[in-house]
Amino acid sequence: MITDNQVYTFVKNKVVAKYSGAFVTGSRIYTTEQWPTVSIVCIDSTPISETIDFSETNRRSTFDVNVYSNNSLTEAKNIATVVRNAFKECGYRCKVFEPLDNALDPNIKRYVGRFTRAIGDGDTLNNQ
């Protein structure tokens, strides 16, 4: 079964391949000294179905993504597009993909995304 860490690593590698200076983390962030910054956080990884002995056979996987740029909204959107395409390669649906005002500092541009899919017992990532 695909793990959330495999998905995170796949997406992170896609971002870093295109934006080598990007700081990518699996944690929520509120301040950073590195630009651009991408936060990829698994917010849901719950079983959808189980066997009689409670072994997981399917689960729902959902990630929240925040892309921050101190350069421009265009840069944030371009990085977010790389993220969206990487999640699409992993079979995820994009539920949200839009700019969002950054309340802590309006000079920092922010793009947010949410991606979800059901993962079955035999599912694998083709590219890993």
Protein backbone atom coordinates (compact mmCIF):
# COMPACT_ATOMS: atom_id res chain seq x y z
CA MET A 1 0.00 0.00 0.00
CA ILE A 2 1.20 3.52 -0.76
CA THR A 3 2.36 5.38 2.33
CA ASP A 4 1.85 9.08 2.97
CA ASN A 5 5.62 9.45 3.29
CA GLN A 6 6.11 8.02 -0.21
CA VAL A 7 3.65 10.58 -1.60
CA TYR A 8 5.30 13.43 0.33
CA THR A 9 8.76 12.41 -0.91
CA PHE A 10 7.56 12.11 -4.51
CA VAL A 11 5.97 15.58 -4.46
CA LYS A 12 8.94 17.13 -2.64
CA ASN A 13 11.35 15.71 -5.22
CA LYS A 14 9.28 17.17 -8.07
CA VAL A 15 9.33 20.62 -6.46
CA VAL A 16 13.06 20.56 -5.70
CA ALA A 17 13.86 19.33 -9.22
CA LYS A 18 12.18 22.42 -10.68
CA TYR A 19 12.95 24.92 -7.87
CA SER A 20 16.26 23.83 -6.37
CA GLY A 21 16.28 26.63 -3.79
CA ALA A 22 12.83 25.78 -2.42
CA PHE A 23 12.49 24.77 1.21
CA VAL A 24 9.99 21.89 1.40
CA THR A 25 8.73 20.61 4.75
CA GLY A 26 6.20 18.08 5.99
CA SER A 27 5.17 20.37 8.84
CA ARG A 28 2.96 23.41 9.15
CA ILE A 29 5.00 26.57 9.23
CA TYR A 30 4.23 30.07 10.40
CA THR A 31 7.55 31.80 9.74
CA THR A 32 10.48 31.01 7.50
CA GLU A 33 13.81 32.46 6.48
CA GLN A 34 14.03 30.39 3.28
CA TRP A 35 12.22 31.30 0.05
CA PRO A 36 10.21 29.96 -1.53
CA THR A 37 8.73 27.64 1.08
CA VAL A 38 6.36 24.71 0.52
CA SER A 39 4.49 23.04 3.38
CA ILE A 40 3.01 19.61 2.52
CA VAL A 41 1.06 18.18 5.47
CA CYS A 42 -0.94 14.95 5.60
CA ILE A 43 -4.14 15.91 7.42
CA ASP A 44 -6.08 12.66 7.00
CA SER A 45 -5.04 9.05 6.66
CA THR A 46 -8.05 7.15 7.97
CA PRO A 47 -9.21 3.65 7.08
CA ILE A 48 -12.17 3.38 4.72
CA SER A 49 -12.53 -0.37 5.13
CA GLU A 50 -10.98 -3.11 7.23
CA THR A 51 -10.93 -6.88 7.33
CA ILE A 52 -12.54 -8.84 10.16
CA ASP A 53 -9.21 -8.75 12.04
CA PHE A 54 -9.06 -4.93 11.61
CA SER A 55 -6.36 -4.98 8.95
CA GLU A 56 -6.60 -1.89 6.79
CA THR A 57 -7.62 -2.62 3.19
CA ASN A 58 -8.38 0.92 2.00
CA ARG A 59 -7.79 4.35 3.42
CA ARG A 60 -8.39 7.98 2.58
CA SER A 61 -5.33 10.17 2.23
CA THR A 62 -5.58 13.98 2.25
CA PHE A 63 -2.82 16.57 2.08
CA ASP A 64 -2.90 20.32 2.70
CA VAL A 65 -0.31 22.34 0.81
CA ASN A 66 0.78 25.94 1.37
CA VAL A 67 3.24 27.64 -0.97
CA TYR A 68 4.85 30.87 0.21
CA SER A 69 6.85 33.33 -1.89
CA ASN A 70 8.41 36.62 -0.92
CA ASN A 71 8.83 37.33 -4.64
CA SER A 72 5.42 37.22 -6.36
CA LEU A 73 2.05 35.53 -6.50
CA THR A 74 3.06 34.23 -9.94
CA GLU A 75 6.03 32.39 -8.42
CA ALA A 76 3.79 30.90 -5.72
CA LYS A 77 1.24 29.79 -8.34
CA ASN A 78 3.93 28.25 -10.57
CA ILE A 79 5.31 26.22 -7.68
CA ALA A 80 1.79 25.24 -6.62
CA THR A 81 1.18 24.03 -10.18
CA VAL A 82 4.22 21.74 -9.92
CA VAL A 83 2.77 20.42 -6.65
CA ARG A 84 -0.68 19.93 -8.20
CA ASN A 85 0.76 18.03 -11.18
CA ALA A 86 2.85 15.81 -8.87
CA PHE A 87 -0.21 14.92 -6.79
CA LYS A 88 -2.12 14.22 -10.01
CA GLU A 89 0.64 11.78 -11.03
CA CYS A 90 0.03 10.03 -7.69
CA GLY A 91 -3.70 9.72 -8.42
CA TYR A 92 -4.89 12.53 -6.13
CA ARG A 93 -7.79 14.86 -6.90
CA CYS A 94 -7.37 18.56 -6.35
CA LYS A 95 -10.12 19.85 -4.06
CA VAL A 96 -8.78 23.41 -3.54
CA PHE A 97 -6.19 25.36 -5.54
CA GLU A 98 -6.22 29.11 -5.02
CA PRO A 99 -4.36 32.16 -3.74
CA LEU A 100 -5.00 33.14 -0.14
CA ASP A 101 -4.16 36.32 1.71
CA ASN A 102 -1.35 35.83 4.16
CA ALA A 103 -2.67 37.40 7.36
CA LEU A 104 0.69 37.41 9.15
CA ASP A 105 2.46 39.38 6.41
CA PRO A 106 0.62 40.68 3.32
CA ASN A 107 3.97 41.06 1.50
CA ILE A 108 4.36 37.27 1.45
CA LYS A 109 2.35 35.66 -1.35
CA ARG A 110 0.57 32.41 -0.59
CA TYR A 111 -1.11 29.68 -2.64
CA VAL A 112 -3.03 26.83 -1.03
CA GLY A 113 -4.11 23.42 -2.22
CA ARG A 114 -5.85 20.33 -0.87
CA PHE A 115 -5.45 16.93 -2.46
CA THR A 116 -7.24 13.66 -1.67
CA ARG A 117 -7.58 10.08 -2.85
CA ALA A 118 -8.56 6.63 -1.69
CA ILE A 119 -5.64 4.21 -1.44
CA GLY A 120 -6.24 0.48 -1.82
CA ASP A 121 -4.21 -2.37 -0.36
CA GLY A 122 -2.45 -3.19 -3.64
CA ASP A 123 -1.91 0.40 -4.87
CA THR A 124 1.63 1.52 -5.69
CA LEU A 125 3.22 4.66 -7.06
CA ASN A 126 4.33 3.91 -10.61
CA ASN A 127 7.29 6.26 -10.39
CA GLN A 128 8.79 4.92 -7.15
